[in-house]
Amino acid sequence: MGGLGEGWRYDMRSLTDQSGGIRWVALAVLAVAGLWFGARWWGGDAGSGGASFQTTEVDRGTIRQMIIAAGQLHPVLSVEVGSQVSGNIKELLVDFNSPVEAGQVIARLDPSTFEAHVRQAEAELASAEAALELARVNAGRMERLRERDLVPQSEVDQSLAALQQAKATLRIRGHSLDRAQTELARCTIYSPIDGIVISRNVDVGQTVAASMTAPVLFRIANDLSQMQIHAKVVEADIGRIEPGQRVEFKVDAFPDELFLGEVRQVRNAPIIENNVVTYDTVISVDNPRGMLKPGMTANVSIIVDEASDVVRVRNIVFRTRLPDTLRPGEPEDAPEQARVAYRLSGGDTGELMAVPVLTGITDGLHTEVVSGLEPGDVIVTGMALQTTRANDGGRPSLFGPRPAQY
């Protein structure tokens, strides 16, 4: 027991010694930190607040005012070729991307049913011709018998009526034959224009039914080197769109390629979708390399106004907000439509002045300066407050700069 008591006292003394060492280390760290903070804070005067402005310079450049829209590429002329008669596709003579000429045979339907109709109509026409000849002979015989007073006049009238009826029947059979021949001719499908086949919707052996509407067999575009964009422009911007304006656009297939076009037509028919009114703006596009394809989505920028080599300033200049203690007085005799910009007359540390500025067009990033500013002028766009020490050459304080929000 005596040995155990001595060991216990020894462990307690060791633990007490270790705790005392930890306390001394902690006190030493706190002392060093205090000395460092004190030296940094009390090494000079308490400091004073100074204003540091964020600025930009007036420069020269190009400003383009644009209207953004989207639309799809279409051929200038596109024709859907269908069938006016029903039947089975017997032969297809063209395929996708096949060049065709006007009048070229591009497909044939099975003509057997229509050939039978033609033969039947021809037989009915021959029968009608024979009936007409018989009616003519009977009418002549009745007239001669009437001259001899051998038959009553009523029989003569009946023979003449039968003759007229036979003539009408002959014309009907003739029209039936023409119709059957026309339907037989429609079994052969021709290309209506010169161009290229951009879609084919049928295969050999497929049955097409032309009961209510003509089924579309092919779609032919006349010339893909000339295309057009049907862009939807919202009603708020349509008043600034005019034929002849230049257009820049991009497509997703070629994100690094910039294509050019020109506004050709602004259509008056409104397009209402989800209570949003847009108007179809047709933009003509040259496609000599064939990169653009029908149906591609085009992101369009219509240039409604442009000014080159003009004095311009960033739009943020006219949104600058300063505290009352630093904001200069409003300029006197400023035009009613003028906007205010804050100019530093002597560089970043010069005198702050409020300048009236007359502006022109804007592109969303820059605004044209008509009067009031010159290239090279330093304009305030914002500010930040920074606490500095008075005796150390303007070094930042312990906590650094603090941005001001107004």
Protein backbone atom coordinates (compact mmCIF):
# COMPACT_ATOMS: atom_id res chain seq x y z
CA MET A 1 0.00 0.00 0.00
CA GLY A 2 2.88 2.32 0.77
CA GLY A 3 4.35 1.74 -2.70
CA LEU A 4 1.02 2.32 -4.35
CA GLY A 5 0.54 5.63 -2.46
CA GLU A 6 3.96 6.89 -3.48
CA GLY A 7 3.28 6.05 -7.16
CA TRP A 8 -0.05 7.81 -7.03
CA ARG A 9 1.53 10.95 -5.58
CA TYR A 10 4.22 10.84 -8.23
CA ASP A 11 1.63 10.68 -11.11
CA MET A 12 -0.30 13.59 -9.62
CA ARG A 13 2.83 15.70 -9.44
CA SER A 14 3.64 14.86 -13.11
CA LEU A 15 0.15 15.78 -14.23
CA THR A 16 0.31 19.05 -12.28
CA ASP A 17 3.68 19.89 -13.83
CA GLN A 18 2.31 19.22 -17.37
CA SER A 19 -0.78 21.40 -16.77
CA GLY A 20 1.39 24.21 -15.54
CA GLY A 21 3.56 23.94 -18.66
CA ILE A 22 0.50 24.13 -20.96
CA ARG A 23 -0.70 27.24 -19.12
CA TRP A 24 2.67 28.93 -19.53
CA VAL A 25 2.74 28.12 -23.27
CA ALA A 26 -0.78 29.53 -23.73
CA LEU A 27 0.15 32.72 -21.84
CA ALA A 28 3.25 33.14 -23.99
CA VAL A 29 1.26 32.82 -27.21
CA LEU A 30 -1.30 35.37 -26.02
CA ALA A 31 1.47 37.77 -25.04
CA VAL A 32 3.13 37.56 -28.46
CA ALA A 33 -0.20 38.06 -30.26
CA GLY A 34 -0.98 41.08 -28.06
CA LEU A 35 2.39 42.63 -28.75
CA TRP A 36 1.91 42.12 -32.53
CA PHE A 37 -1.59 43.66 -32.54
CA GLY A 38 -0.44 46.50 -30.34
CA ALA A 39 2.56 47.26 -32.49
CA ARG A 40 0.42 47.20 -35.61
CA TRP A 41 -2.37 49.37 -34.16
CA TRP A 42 -0.42 51.75 -31.87
CA GLY A 43 2.60 52.21 -34.11
CA GLY A 44 1.08 55.49 -35.23
CA ASP A 45 -2.07 57.50 -34.92
CA ALA A 46 -5.45 55.88 -34.79
CA GLY A 47 -5.98 56.56 -38.57
CA SER A 48 -8.52 58.39 -40.66
CA GLY A 49 -11.00 57.48 -43.36
CA GLY A 50 -10.11 58.15 -47.03
CA ALA A 51 -12.17 57.71 -50.18
CA SER A 52 -10.95 55.48 -52.99
CA PHE A 53 -12.96 55.76 -56.24
CA GLN A 54 -13.51 53.13 -58.87
CA THR A 55 -13.17 54.76 -62.27
CA THR A 56 -13.31 54.18 -66.00
CA GLU A 57 -12.10 56.23 -68.97
CA VAL A 58 -14.04 57.66 -71.86
CA ASP A 59 -12.81 56.25 -75.19
CA ARG A 60 -13.71 55.96 -78.85
CA GLY A 61 -15.21 52.94 -80.56
CA THR A 62 -18.12 51.42 -82.42
CA ILE A 63 -21.60 51.05 -80.98
CA ARG A 64 -24.19 48.81 -82.59
CA GLN A 65 -27.74 48.76 -81.34
CA MET A 66 -29.20 45.33 -81.97
CA ILE A 67 -32.45 43.43 -81.50
CA ILE A 68 -32.08 39.79 -80.49
CA ALA A 69 -34.41 37.14 -81.86
CA ALA A 70 -34.44 33.48 -82.84
CA GLY A 71 -35.82 31.57 -85.80
CA GLN A 72 -35.35 28.65 -88.15
CA LEU A 73 -33.67 28.37 -91.52
CA HIS A 74 -35.86 27.53 -94.52
CA PRO A 75 -35.32 27.23 -98.27
CA VAL A 76 -36.53 30.23 -100.23
CA LEU A 77 -38.88 27.97 -102.22
CA SER A 78 -39.94 24.57 -100.92
CA VAL A 79 -42.58 22.39 -102.57
CA GLU A 80 -44.32 19.38 -101.07
CA VAL A 81 -44.96 16.81 -103.81
CA GLY A 82 -47.92 14.52 -103.23
CA SER A 83 -50.20 12.11 -105.03
CA GLN A 84 -53.70 12.94 -106.23
CA VAL A 85 -54.64 9.26 -106.57
CA SER A 86 -54.46 6.31 -104.21
CA GLY A 87 -52.37 3.24 -104.86
CA ASN A 88 -49.19 1.33 -104.14
CA ILE A 89 -45.77 2.86 -104.78
CA LYS A 90 -44.35 0.83 -107.66
CA GLU A 91 -41.12 2.71 -108.30
CA LEU A 92 -39.04 5.46 -106.65
CA LEU A 93 -36.56 7.17 -108.93
CA VAL A 94 -35.01 9.69 -106.48
CA ASP A 95 -33.80 9.64 -102.90
CA PHE A 96 -32.69 12.10 -100.23
CA ASN A 97 -30.39 14.87 -101.56
CA SER A 98 -31.07 13.87 -105.18
CA PRO A 99 -30.92 16.80 -107.62
CA VAL A 100 -34.02 17.02 -109.82
CA GLU A 101 -35.27 19.07 -112.75
CA ALA A 102 -38.74 20.38 -113.47
CA GLY A 103 -40.77 17.68 -115.27
CA GLN A 104 -38.49 14.82 -114.22
CA VAL A 105 -40.21 11.56 -113.23
CA ILE A 106 -39.51 10.92 -109.55
CA ALA A 107 -42.00 8.12 -108.68
CA ARG A 108 -44.64 5.82 -110.15
CA LEU A 109 -47.74 4.23 -108.63
CA ASP A 110 -49.11 0.84 -109.70
CA PRO A 111 -51.28 1.75 -112.75
CA SER A 112 -53.13 -1.57 -113.27
CA THR A 113 -56.40 -0.43 -111.66
CA PHE A 114 -56.42 2.84 -113.59
CA GLU A 115 -55.59 1.10 -116.88
CA ALA A 116 -58.67 -1.09 -116.35
CA HIS A 117 -60.75 2.03 -115.78
CA VAL A 118 -59.47 3.46 -119.06
CA ARG A 119 -60.37 0.32 -120.98
CA GLN A 120 -63.85 0.27 -119.43
CA ALA A 121 -64.38 3.93 -120.31
CA GLU A 122 -63.26 3.28 -123.89
CA ALA A 123 -65.79 0.44 -124.21
CA GLU A 124 -68.57 2.59 -122.77
CA LEU A 125 -67.70 5.32 -125.24
CA ALA A 126 -67.89 2.92 -128.16
CA SER A 127 -71.28 1.71 -126.94
CA ALA A 128 -72.50 5.29 -126.72
CA GLU A 129 -71.33 5.99 -130.27
CA ALA A 130 -73.30 2.95 -131.54
CA ALA A 131 -76.40 4.03 -129.63
CA LEU A 132 -76.11 7.49 -131.14
CA GLU A 133 -75.90 6.08 -134.64
CA LEU A 134 -79.02 3.95 -134.03
CA ALA A 135 -80.91 6.93 -132.64
CA ARG A 136 -79.96 9.00 -135.67
CA VAL A 137 -81.23 6.30 -138.08
CA ASN A 138 -84.51 5.94 -136.15
CA ALA A 139 -85.08 9.69 -136.15
CA GLY A 140 -84.56 9.87 -139.91
CA ARG A 141 -86.94 6.95 -140.57
CA MET A 142 -89.66 8.51 -138.39
CA GLU A 143 -89.40 11.81 -140.25
CA ARG A 144 -89.86 10.10 -143.63
CA LEU A 145 -92.85 8.08 -142.37
CA ARG A 146 -94.35 11.26 -140.97
CA GLU A 147 -94.05 12.91 -144.37
CA ARG A 148 -96.26 10.08 -145.76
CA ASP A 149 -98.59 10.48 -142.79
CA LEU A 150 -97.94 6.87 -141.77
CA VAL A 151 -96.97 7.60 -138.09
CA PRO A 152 -98.24 10.14 -135.62
CA GLN A 153 -96.17 13.22 -134.71
CA SER A 154 -95.63 11.92 -131.16
CA GLU A 155 -93.47 9.06 -132.40
CA VAL A 156 -91.38 11.51 -134.39
CA ASP A 157 -90.89 13.62 -131.27
CA GLN A 158 -89.84 10.56 -129.29
CA SER A 159 -87.25 9.60 -131.89
CA LEU A 160 -85.78 13.10 -131.89
CA ALA A 161 -85.59 13.10 -128.08
CA ALA A 162 -83.87 9.71 -128.14
CA LEU A 163 -81.35 11.16 -130.61
CA GLN A 164 -80.54 14.07 -128.27
CA GLN A 165 -80.25 11.71 -125.34
CA ALA A 166 -77.81 9.52 -127.25
CA LYS A 167 -75.67 12.58 -128.06
CA ALA A 168 -75.58 13.55 -124.34
CA THR A 169 -74.66 10.01 -123.35
CA LEU A 170 -71.82 10.09 -125.86
CA ARG A 171 -70.42 13.28 -124.29
CA ILE A 172 -70.69 11.75 -120.78
CA ARG A 173 -68.79 8.64 -121.90
CA GLY A 174 -66.17 10.85 -123.50
CA HIS A 175 -65.66 12.78 -120.25
CA SER A 176 -65.46 9.52 -118.31
CA LEU A 177 -62.69 8.38 -120.62
CA ASP A 178 -60.83 11.67 -120.15
CA ARG A 179 -61.09 11.31 -116.38
CA ALA A 180 -59.82 7.73 -116.44
CA GLN A 181 -56.89 8.74 -118.64
CA THR A 182 -56.08 11.66 -116.34
CA GLU A 183 -56.07 9.41 -113.26
CA LEU A 184 -53.84 6.96 -115.13
CA ALA A 185 -51.43 9.80 -115.95
CA ARG A 186 -51.37 10.83 -112.28
CA CYS A 187 -49.82 7.49 -111.41
CA THR A 188 -46.58 9.04 -112.65
CA ILE A 189 -45.20 11.70 -110.23
CA TYR A 190 -43.15 14.54 -111.71
CA SER A 191 -40.93 17.15 -110.06
CA PRO A 192 -42.62 20.57 -110.29
CA ILE A 193 -39.39 22.60 -109.92
CA ASP A 194 -35.63 22.41 -110.31
CA GLY A 195 -33.97 21.70 -106.98
CA ILE A 196 -32.92 19.04 -104.53
CA VAL A 197 -34.92 16.43 -102.60
CA ILE A 198 -34.66 17.24 -98.90
CA SER A 199 -37.15 14.65 -97.63
CA ARG A 200 -38.72 11.38 -98.84
CA ASN A 201 -41.68 10.03 -96.89
CA VAL A 202 -42.53 6.78 -98.73
CA ASP A 203 -40.91 3.50 -99.77
CA VAL A 204 -41.54 1.06 -102.59
CA GLY A 205 -44.63 -1.05 -101.90
CA GLN A 206 -46.18 1.44 -99.52
CA THR A 207 -49.84 2.30 -100.05
CA VAL A 208 -50.81 5.95 -100.25
CA ALA A 209 -54.41 7.04 -99.71
CA ALA A 210 -55.60 10.28 -101.27
CA SER A 211 -59.15 10.25 -99.97
CA MET A 212 -59.26 13.59 -98.13
CA THR A 213 -55.84 15.21 -98.57
CA ALA A 214 -52.97 14.51 -100.90
CA PRO A 215 -50.28 12.47 -99.09
CA VAL A 216 -46.85 14.11 -99.16
CA LEU A 217 -44.31 11.91 -100.92
CA PHE A 218 -41.36 14.30 -101.31
CA ARG A 219 -40.27 17.76 -100.28
CA ILE A 220 -38.14 19.57 -102.83
CA ALA A 221 -36.18 22.79 -102.24
CA ASN A 222 -35.30 24.82 -105.27
CA ASP A 223 -31.85 26.14 -104.23
CA LEU A 224 -30.10 25.72 -100.87
CA SER A 225 -27.42 28.29 -101.75
CA GLN A 226 -30.08 30.92 -101.03
CA MET A 227 -32.00 30.48 -97.77
CA GLN A 228 -34.06 32.55 -95.39
CA ILE A 229 -34.66 32.80 -91.66
CA HIS A 230 -38.13 33.21 -90.22
CA ALA A 231 -37.30 35.05 -86.99
CA LYS A 232 -39.93 35.85 -84.37
CA VAL A 233 -39.56 39.43 -83.13
CA VAL A 234 -41.60 40.55 -80.12
CA GLU A 235 -44.06 43.39 -80.54
CA ALA A 236 -42.01 45.76 -78.37
CA ASP A 237 -39.14 45.68 -80.90
CA ILE A 238 -40.95 45.18 -84.22
CA GLY A 239 -41.37 48.94 -84.74
CA ARG A 240 -37.61 49.34 -85.24
CA ILE A 241 -37.28 46.58 -87.83
CA GLU A 242 -37.11 47.66 -91.49
CA PRO A 243 -36.24 45.85 -94.74
CA GLY A 244 -32.60 46.24 -95.68
CA GLN A 245 -31.14 46.13 -92.17
CA ARG A 246 -28.03 44.02 -91.68
CA VAL A 247 -28.23 40.84 -89.62
CA GLU A 248 -25.65 38.72 -87.86
CA PHE A 249 -26.53 35.24 -86.65
CA LYS A 250 -25.05 32.00 -85.37
CA VAL A 251 -26.18 28.39 -85.42
CA ASP A 252 -25.45 25.67 -82.87
CA ALA A 253 -23.75 23.48 -85.48
CA PHE A 254 -21.01 26.10 -86.02
CA PRO A 255 -20.69 28.09 -82.77
CA ASP A 256 -17.48 29.85 -83.87
CA GLU A 257 -18.84 30.91 -87.27
CA LEU A 258 -20.60 34.26 -87.74
CA PHE A 259 -23.06 34.39 -90.64
CA LEU A 260 -24.53 37.48 -92.28
CA GLY A 261 -27.97 38.23 -93.67
CA GLU A 262 -30.40 41.03 -94.48
CA VAL A 263 -33.97 41.76 -93.47
CA ARG A 264 -36.19 41.16 -96.51
CA GLN A 265 -39.71 41.36 -95.16
CA VAL A 266 -41.62 42.12 -91.96
CA ARG A 267 -44.95 40.32 -92.07
CA ASN A 268 -48.03 41.92 -90.56
CA ALA A 269 -49.75 38.74 -89.41
CA PRO A 270 -49.37 38.42 -85.61
CA ILE A 271 -48.27 35.15 -84.02
CA ILE A 272 -49.76 34.69 -80.54
CA GLU A 273 -48.25 32.01 -78.33
CA ASN A 274 -48.84 31.91 -74.55
CA ASN A 275 -50.19 35.49 -74.71
CA VAL A 276 -46.93 36.69 -76.29
CA VAL A 277 -47.31 38.50 -79.61
CA THR A 278 -44.51 38.17 -82.16
CA TYR A 279 -44.16 38.98 -85.83
CA ASP A 280 -42.47 36.91 -88.50
CA THR A 281 -39.39 38.68 -89.87
CA VAL A 282 -37.94 37.14 -93.02
CA ILE A 283 -34.15 37.39 -93.34
CA SER A 284 -32.42 36.45 -96.59
CA VAL A 285 -29.17 34.48 -96.24
CA ASP A 286 -26.44 33.47 -98.69
CA ASN A 287 -25.29 29.87 -98.28
CA PRO A 288 -22.64 29.33 -100.97
CA ARG A 289 -20.70 26.71 -98.98
CA GLY A 290 -23.80 24.73 -98.07
CA MET A 291 -23.01 24.82 -94.34
CA LEU A 292 -26.51 25.91 -93.40
CA LYS A 293 -29.26 23.31 -93.58
CA PRO A 294 -33.05 23.60 -93.43
CA GLY A 295 -34.46 23.52 -89.93
CA MET A 296 -31.37 24.82 -88.12
CA THR A 297 -32.08 27.23 -85.26
CA ALA A 298 -30.50 30.65 -85.79
CA ASN A 299 -29.77 33.11 -82.98
CA VAL A 300 -30.27 36.42 -84.76
CA SER A 301 -28.94 39.92 -84.02
CA ILE A 302 -30.65 42.56 -86.17
CA ILE A 303 -28.56 45.76 -86.34
CA VAL A 304 -31.08 48.60 -86.13
CA ASP A 305 -28.52 51.40 -85.59
CA GLU A 306 -24.75 51.70 -85.73
CA ALA A 307 -22.19 54.42 -85.05
CA SER A 308 -18.46 54.07 -85.78
CA ASP A 309 -15.54 55.93 -84.15
CA VAL A 310 -17.72 57.79 -81.66
CA VAL A 311 -17.05 58.92 -78.10
CA ARG A 312 -18.46 56.31 -75.77
CA VAL A 313 -18.61 55.48 -72.08
CA ARG A 314 -19.66 52.43 -70.12
CA ASN A 315 -23.31 52.33 -69.08
CA ILE A 316 -22.38 51.82 -65.43
CA VAL A 317 -21.30 55.46 -65.35
CA PHE A 318 -24.93 56.61 -65.31
CA ARG A 319 -25.80 54.25 -62.46
CA THR A 320 -23.15 55.56 -60.04
CA ARG A 321 -24.37 56.30 -56.51
CA LEU A 322 -22.26 58.39 -54.09
CA PRO A 323 -22.83 59.37 -50.44
CA ASP A 324 -24.14 62.84 -49.75
CA THR A 325 -20.82 63.91 -48.17
CA LEU A 326 -18.89 63.22 -51.39
CA ARG A 327 -21.44 63.83 -54.11
CA PRO A 328 -20.87 67.21 -55.82
CA GLY A 329 -23.70 69.59 -56.56
CA GLU A 330 -25.88 69.08 -59.62
CA PRO A 331 -24.68 70.95 -62.74
CA GLU A 332 -26.41 74.23 -63.49
CA ASP A 333 -28.29 74.96 -66.71
CA ALA A 334 -28.17 71.29 -67.69
CA PRO A 335 -30.45 70.27 -70.61
CA GLU A 336 -33.59 68.48 -69.54
CA GLN A 337 -32.65 65.26 -71.35
CA ALA A 338 -29.06 65.27 -70.06
CA ARG A 339 -27.73 62.51 -67.82
CA VAL A 340 -25.23 63.08 -64.98
CA ALA A 341 -21.74 61.60 -64.80
CA TYR A 342 -19.10 62.25 -62.10
CA ARG A 343 -15.73 63.23 -63.56
CA LEU A 344 -12.39 63.47 -61.76
CA SER A 345 -10.70 66.55 -63.17
CA GLY A 346 -7.16 65.71 -62.02
CA GLY A 347 -6.90 61.95 -62.27
CA ASP A 348 -7.84 59.46 -59.56
CA THR A 349 -7.19 61.97 -56.72
CA GLY A 350 -8.48 65.12 -58.41
CA GLU A 351 -11.59 67.20 -57.94
CA LEU A 352 -14.93 65.45 -58.39
CA MET A 353 -17.38 67.23 -60.70
CA ALA A 354 -20.93 66.48 -61.84
CA VAL A 355 -21.10 66.78 -65.62
CA PRO A 356 -24.27 66.86 -67.79
CA VAL A 357 -23.98 64.39 -70.66
CA LEU A 358 -26.10 64.13 -73.79
CA THR A 359 -26.21 60.55 -75.00
CA GLY A 360 -27.03 58.71 -78.22
CA ILE A 361 -27.48 55.04 -78.97
CA THR A 362 -26.46 52.21 -76.66
CA ASP A 363 -25.54 48.57 -77.16
CA GLY A 364 -26.20 47.50 -73.58
CA LEU A 365 -22.54 47.87 -72.50
CA HIS A 366 -21.52 51.28 -73.90
CA THR A 367 -23.46 54.47 -74.62
CA GLU A 368 -22.62 57.04 -77.25
CA VAL A 369 -21.61 60.45 -75.84
CA VAL A 370 -22.95 63.31 -77.94
CA SER A 371 -21.61 66.09 -75.71
CA GLY A 372 -20.27 66.63 -72.20
CA LEU A 373 -17.30 64.24 -72.15
CA GLU A 374 -14.12 63.78 -74.14
CA PRO A 375 -11.90 60.74 -74.73
CA GLY A 376 -9.54 60.24 -71.82
CA ASP A 377 -11.82 61.73 -69.16
CA VAL A 378 -11.78 59.76 -65.90
CA ILE A 379 -15.32 58.96 -64.75
CA VAL A 380 -16.32 57.57 -61.36
CA THR A 381 -18.27 54.32 -61.43
CA GLY A 382 -18.28 53.57 -57.69
CA MET A 383 -16.28 53.94 -54.50
CA ALA A 384 -14.79 52.05 -51.56
CA LEU A 385 -13.82 53.34 -48.12
CA GLN A 386 -10.38 52.33 -46.85
CA THR A 387 -8.97 53.00 -43.35
CA THR A 388 -5.26 54.00 -43.53
CA ARG A 389 -2.60 54.86 -40.94
CA ALA A 390 -1.41 58.43 -40.85
CA ASN A 391 2.31 57.87 -40.25
CA ASP A 392 3.20 54.81 -42.33
CA GLY A 393 2.86 56.09 -45.88
CA GLY A 394 -0.76 55.02 -46.35
CA ARG A 395 -0.36 51.33 -45.57
CA PRO A 396 -3.67 49.50 -45.05
CA SER A 397 -4.91 48.99 -41.52
CA LEU A 398 -5.11 45.72 -39.70
CA PHE A 399 -8.38 44.65 -41.33
CA GLY A 400 -7.72 46.03 -44.82
CA PRO A 401 -10.12 47.96 -47.09
CA ARG A 402 -13.85 47.93 -46.51
CA PRO A 403 -16.09 48.42 -49.59
CA ALA A 404 -18.84 51.00 -49.19
CA GLN A 405 -22.35 50.20 -50.30
CA TYR A 406 -24.76 52.98 -51.32
